[in-house]
Structures are given as C-alpha cells and as structure tokens.
Amino acid sequence: MNHEGIYKLNPSVVTVRGDVAYDANNNIVEYDKAAVDAYIAANAYKSKRAAEYPSLADFADAYYWAQNGDDTKMTAYIEKCEAVKTKYPKS
C-alpha cells in the first residue's frame, strides 16, 4: 500500500508498518482504506508525470539559450512538458 494517502488523510499518524498506522504514542490509528485508495488514485498522475517530464538539466540548458536569444530549446522543453500533462491529466 502507498503510505502517502494514510499520512495525508490522517495527520495523527506518524508511522506505518505494513497496513497498520500508529500515532506518536504507538497506538493503532484506524483509517478508511477506501478513502486512502481514492486519494492515491486521484493523485496517481503526479508520479506518472514526474517520471516522464524532461530533466531539470534540460530546462537549465534551454533557459541559458533563451537568455541568449535562442528560444528553440525552451519551446521544445515546454512542448514536452505539455505532452506529458496531456498524457496524464489531473483526475
């Protein structure tokens, strides 16, 4: 299970072991698995986008050239980002 949803939806949770969540006093915290699954599904686009976006090194290079009058690389960089956003739209 992706623990991000448990932490986001249950602020008292400080540790998750397996599918069991615990608070700061090591007490078990009950959580709604369906709500966690829904959170994960609604936010899945973020990790998919991150894996396919062009690198920050590509951005730095494109920015350098744009500052020196050549927008070709920046235009291509933005087009790649837009393609990823289109491929993985927000839910």
N, C-alpha and C. Protein backbone atom coordinates (compact mmCIF):
# COMPACT_ATOMS: atom_id res chain seq x y z
N MET A 1 0.84 -1.19 0.00
CA MET A 1 0.00 0.00 0.00
C MET A 1 0.88 1.24 0.00
N ASN A 2 0.43 2.24 -0.69
CA ASN A 2 1.10 3.53 -0.72
C ASN A 2 0.76 4.27 0.57
N HIS A 3 1.74 4.57 1.37
CA HIS A 3 1.50 5.17 2.69
C HIS A 3 1.20 6.66 2.62
N GLU A 4 1.49 7.29 1.50
CA GLU A 4 1.27 8.74 1.38
C GLU A 4 -0.17 9.11 1.72
N GLY A 5 -1.12 8.35 1.20
CA GLY A 5 -2.53 8.63 1.45
C GLY A 5 -2.90 8.51 2.92
N ILE A 6 -2.31 7.54 3.61
CA ILE A 6 -2.59 7.37 5.04
C ILE A 6 -2.11 8.60 5.80
N TYR A 7 -0.90 9.04 5.52
CA TYR A 7 -0.36 10.22 6.20
C TYR A 7 -1.16 11.48 5.88
N LYS A 8 -1.50 11.67 4.61
CA LYS A 8 -2.21 12.89 4.20
C LYS A 8 -3.61 12.98 4.82
N LEU A 9 -4.28 11.85 4.89
CA LEU A 9 -5.66 11.84 5.38
C LEU A 9 -5.78 11.67 6.88
N ASN A 10 -4.70 11.33 7.55
CA ASN A 10 -4.72 11.08 8.99
C ASN A 10 -3.52 11.76 9.64
N PRO A 11 -3.64 13.04 9.97
CA PRO A 11 -2.50 13.79 10.48
C PRO A 11 -1.90 13.26 11.78
N SER A 12 -2.64 12.46 12.53
CA SER A 12 -2.10 11.92 13.78
C SER A 12 -1.15 10.75 13.55
N VAL A 13 -1.14 10.21 12.34
CA VAL A 13 -0.28 9.07 12.03
C VAL A 13 1.17 9.54 11.87
N VAL A 14 2.07 8.85 12.59
CA VAL A 14 3.50 9.17 12.46
C VAL A 14 4.30 8.00 11.91
N THR A 15 3.73 6.80 11.96
CA THR A 15 4.42 5.60 11.47
C THR A 15 3.41 4.66 10.84
N VAL A 16 3.83 4.01 9.78
CA VAL A 16 3.00 2.96 9.17
C VAL A 16 3.91 1.76 8.96
N ARG A 17 3.46 0.63 9.47
CA ARG A 17 4.17 -0.63 9.28
C ARG A 17 3.19 -1.59 8.60
N GLY A 18 3.53 -1.96 7.38
CA GLY A 18 2.58 -2.76 6.60
C GLY A 18 1.38 -1.90 6.28
N ASP A 19 0.20 -2.36 6.70
CA ASP A 19 -1.02 -1.58 6.53
C ASP A 19 -1.53 -1.03 7.86
N VAL A 20 -0.73 -1.11 8.90
CA VAL A 20 -1.14 -0.65 10.23
C VAL A 20 -0.50 0.70 10.51
N ALA A 21 -1.35 1.67 10.89
CA ALA A 21 -0.89 3.03 11.18
C ALA A 21 -0.82 3.25 12.68
N TYR A 22 0.18 4.04 13.11
CA TYR A 22 0.39 4.31 14.54
C TYR A 22 0.55 5.81 14.76
N ASP A 23 0.09 6.27 15.93
CA ASP A 23 0.30 7.67 16.31
C ASP A 23 1.61 7.81 17.08
N ALA A 24 1.87 9.00 17.60
CA ALA A 24 3.12 9.27 18.30
C ALA A 24 3.29 8.43 19.56
N ASN A 25 2.19 7.95 20.13
CA ASN A 25 2.25 7.12 21.34
C ASN A 25 2.24 5.63 21.02
N ASN A 26 2.42 5.31 19.75
CA ASN A 26 2.45 3.94 19.26
C ASN A 26 1.09 3.24 19.38
N ASN A 27 0.02 4.03 19.42
CA ASN A 27 -1.34 3.48 19.41
C ASN A 27 -1.76 3.28 17.96
N ILE A 28 -2.51 2.23 17.72
CA ILE A 28 -3.02 1.98 16.36
C ILE A 28 -4.05 3.03 16.00
N VAL A 29 -3.92 3.56 14.80
CA VAL A 29 -4.87 4.55 14.29
C VAL A 29 -5.68 3.87 13.19
N GLU A 30 -6.99 3.84 13.38
CA GLU A 30 -7.88 3.29 12.36
C GLU A 30 -8.02 4.31 11.23
N TYR A 31 -8.06 3.83 10.00
CA TYR A 31 -8.23 4.74 8.87
C TYR A 31 -9.12 4.08 7.83
N ASP A 32 -9.67 4.89 6.97
CA ASP A 32 -10.59 4.44 5.92
C ASP A 32 -9.77 4.04 4.69
N LYS A 33 -9.64 2.73 4.47
CA LYS A 33 -8.84 2.23 3.35
C LYS A 33 -9.40 2.71 2.01
N ALA A 34 -10.71 2.77 1.90
CA ALA A 34 -11.32 3.23 0.65
C ALA A 34 -10.95 4.69 0.38
N ALA A 35 -10.92 5.51 1.41
CA ALA A 35 -10.55 6.92 1.24
C ALA A 35 -9.08 7.03 0.85
N VAL A 36 -8.23 6.20 1.44
CA VAL A 36 -6.80 6.19 1.09
C VAL A 36 -6.63 5.76 -0.37
N ASP A 37 -7.33 4.70 -0.76
CA ASP A 37 -7.25 4.23 -2.15
C ASP A 37 -7.73 5.32 -3.12
N ALA A 38 -8.79 6.03 -2.75
CA ALA A 38 -9.32 7.11 -3.60
C ALA A 38 -8.31 8.25 -3.70
N TYR A 39 -7.65 8.57 -2.59
CA TYR A 39 -6.62 9.62 -2.60
C TYR A 39 -5.48 9.23 -3.54
N ILE A 40 -5.04 8.00 -3.42
CA ILE A 40 -3.93 7.51 -4.26
C ILE A 40 -4.33 7.57 -5.74
N ALA A 41 -5.52 7.10 -6.06
CA ALA A 41 -5.98 7.11 -7.45
C ALA A 41 -6.08 8.53 -7.99
N ALA A 42 -6.58 9.45 -7.16
CA ALA A 42 -6.76 10.83 -7.60
C ALA A 42 -5.43 11.55 -7.80
N ASN A 43 -4.38 11.07 -7.17
CA ASN A 43 -3.08 11.73 -7.25
C ASN A 43 -2.03 10.93 -8.03
N ALA A 44 -2.45 9.85 -8.65
CA ALA A 44 -1.51 8.99 -9.39
C ALA A 44 -0.84 9.71 -10.55
N TYR A 45 -1.54 10.70 -11.11
CA TYR A 45 -0.97 11.42 -12.26
C TYR A 45 0.35 12.11 -11.90
N LYS A 46 0.52 12.50 -10.64
CA LYS A 46 1.72 13.24 -10.23
C LYS A 46 2.99 12.42 -10.44
N SER A 47 2.99 11.19 -9.96
CA SER A 47 4.20 10.37 -10.10
C SER A 47 4.42 9.96 -11.55
N LYS A 48 3.34 9.74 -12.27
CA LYS A 48 3.49 9.40 -13.69
C LYS A 48 4.09 10.56 -14.47
N ARG A 49 3.62 11.77 -14.17
CA ARG A 49 4.18 12.95 -14.82
C ARG A 49 5.65 13.12 -14.47
N ALA A 50 5.95 13.01 -13.19
CA ALA A 50 7.32 13.23 -12.72
C ALA A 50 8.30 12.29 -13.43
N ALA A 51 7.87 11.06 -13.68
CA ALA A 51 8.74 10.08 -14.32
C ALA A 51 9.02 10.42 -15.79
N GLU A 52 8.13 11.19 -16.42
CA GLU A 52 8.27 11.45 -17.85
C GLU A 52 8.62 12.89 -18.22
N TYR A 53 8.57 13.80 -17.25
CA TYR A 53 8.96 15.17 -17.56
C TYR A 53 10.42 15.21 -18.01
N PRO A 54 10.76 16.15 -18.89
CA PRO A 54 12.18 16.33 -19.23
C PRO A 54 12.94 16.77 -17.98
N SER A 55 14.23 16.55 -17.97
CA SER A 55 15.04 16.81 -16.78
C SER A 55 15.22 18.31 -16.52
N LEU A 56 15.59 18.61 -15.27
CA LEU A 56 15.91 20.00 -14.93
C LEU A 56 17.19 20.45 -15.63
N ALA A 57 18.07 19.52 -15.93
CA ALA A 57 19.27 19.87 -16.70
C ALA A 57 18.86 20.36 -18.10
N ASP A 58 17.86 19.70 -18.69
CA ASP A 58 17.35 20.15 -19.99
C ASP A 58 16.76 21.55 -19.87
N PHE A 59 16.04 21.79 -18.76
CA PHE A 59 15.47 23.12 -18.54
C PHE A 59 16.57 24.17 -18.40
N ALA A 60 17.60 23.85 -17.61
CA ALA A 60 18.70 24.81 -17.41
C ALA A 60 19.37 25.16 -18.74
N ASP A 61 19.58 24.16 -19.57
CA ASP A 61 20.19 24.41 -20.87
C ASP A 61 19.27 25.27 -21.74
N ALA A 62 17.97 24.94 -21.75
CA ALA A 62 17.01 25.71 -22.54
C ALA A 62 16.92 27.14 -22.03
N TYR A 63 16.95 27.31 -20.72
CA TYR A 63 16.89 28.64 -20.12
C TYR A 63 18.12 29.46 -20.52
N TYR A 64 19.29 28.85 -20.44
CA TYR A 64 20.53 29.52 -20.83
C TYR A 64 20.41 30.06 -22.26
N TRP A 65 20.00 29.17 -23.17
CA TRP A 65 19.92 29.59 -24.57
C TRP A 65 18.84 30.63 -24.79
N ALA A 66 17.72 30.52 -24.06
CA ALA A 66 16.66 31.51 -24.19
C ALA A 66 17.15 32.89 -23.73
N GLN A 67 17.96 32.91 -22.67
CA GLN A 67 18.51 34.18 -22.17
C GLN A 67 19.51 34.78 -23.16
N ASN A 68 20.01 33.93 -24.03
CA ASN A 68 20.97 34.39 -25.04
C ASN A 68 20.33 34.53 -26.42
N GLY A 69 19.00 34.59 -26.45
CA GLY A 69 18.30 34.91 -27.68
C GLY A 69 17.80 33.76 -28.52
N ASP A 70 18.04 32.52 -28.11
CA ASP A 70 17.58 31.37 -28.89
C ASP A 70 16.52 30.61 -28.09
N ASP A 71 15.25 30.79 -28.44
CA ASP A 71 14.13 30.17 -27.72
C ASP A 71 13.81 28.76 -28.20
N THR A 72 14.56 28.24 -29.15
CA THR A 72 14.26 26.94 -29.75
C THR A 72 14.19 25.83 -28.70
N LYS A 73 15.21 25.74 -27.85
CA LYS A 73 15.24 24.66 -26.85
C LYS A 73 14.16 24.86 -25.79
N MET A 74 13.87 26.09 -25.40
CA MET A 74 12.82 26.34 -24.40
C MET A 74 11.45 25.97 -24.97
N THR A 75 11.22 26.30 -26.22
CA THR A 75 9.96 25.93 -26.86
C THR A 75 9.80 24.42 -26.88
N ALA A 76 10.85 23.70 -27.23
CA ALA A 76 10.80 22.24 -27.26
C ALA A 76 10.58 21.67 -25.86
N TYR A 77 11.23 22.26 -24.86
CA TYR A 77 11.07 21.81 -23.47
C TYR A 77 9.62 21.96 -23.03
N ILE A 78 9.05 23.12 -23.31
CA ILE A 78 7.66 23.37 -22.92
C ILE A 78 6.71 22.43 -23.66
N GLU A 79 6.98 22.16 -24.91
CA GLU A 79 6.14 21.22 -25.67
C GLU A 79 6.19 19.83 -25.07
N LYS A 80 7.37 19.40 -24.62
CA LYS A 80 7.50 18.09 -23.97
C LYS A 80 6.70 18.05 -22.67
N CYS A 81 6.78 19.13 -21.90
CA CYS A 81 6.01 19.19 -20.65
C CYS A 81 4.51 19.14 -20.93
N GLU A 82 4.06 19.88 -21.92
CA GLU A 82 2.64 19.89 -22.28
C GLU A 82 2.17 18.51 -22.74
N ALA A 83 3.02 17.81 -23.47
CA ALA A 83 2.66 16.45 -23.92
C ALA A 83 2.47 15.52 -22.73
N VAL A 84 3.33 15.64 -21.72
CA VAL A 84 3.20 14.81 -20.53
C VAL A 84 1.92 15.17 -19.77
N LYS A 85 1.63 16.45 -19.65
CA LYS A 85 0.41 16.88 -18.97
C LYS A 85 -0.84 16.37 -19.68
N THR A 86 -0.79 16.36 -20.99
CA THR A 86 -1.92 15.85 -21.78
C THR A 86 -2.05 14.34 -21.61
N LYS A 87 -0.93 13.64 -21.58
CA LYS A 87 -0.94 12.19 -21.45
C LYS A 87 -1.48 11.75 -20.08
N TYR A 88 -1.14 12.52 -19.03
CA TYR A 88 -1.56 12.21 -17.66
C TYR A 88 -2.31 13.41 -17.07
N PRO A 89 -3.57 13.60 -17.45
CA PRO A 89 -4.32 14.76 -16.95
C PRO A 89 -4.67 14.60 -15.46
N LYS A 90 -4.92 15.72 -14.82
CA LYS A 90 -5.39 15.66 -13.43
C LYS A 90 -6.73 14.95 -13.42
N SER A 91 -6.98 14.22 -12.37
CA SER A 91 -8.25 13.47 -12.26
C SER A 91 -9.44 14.41 -12.22
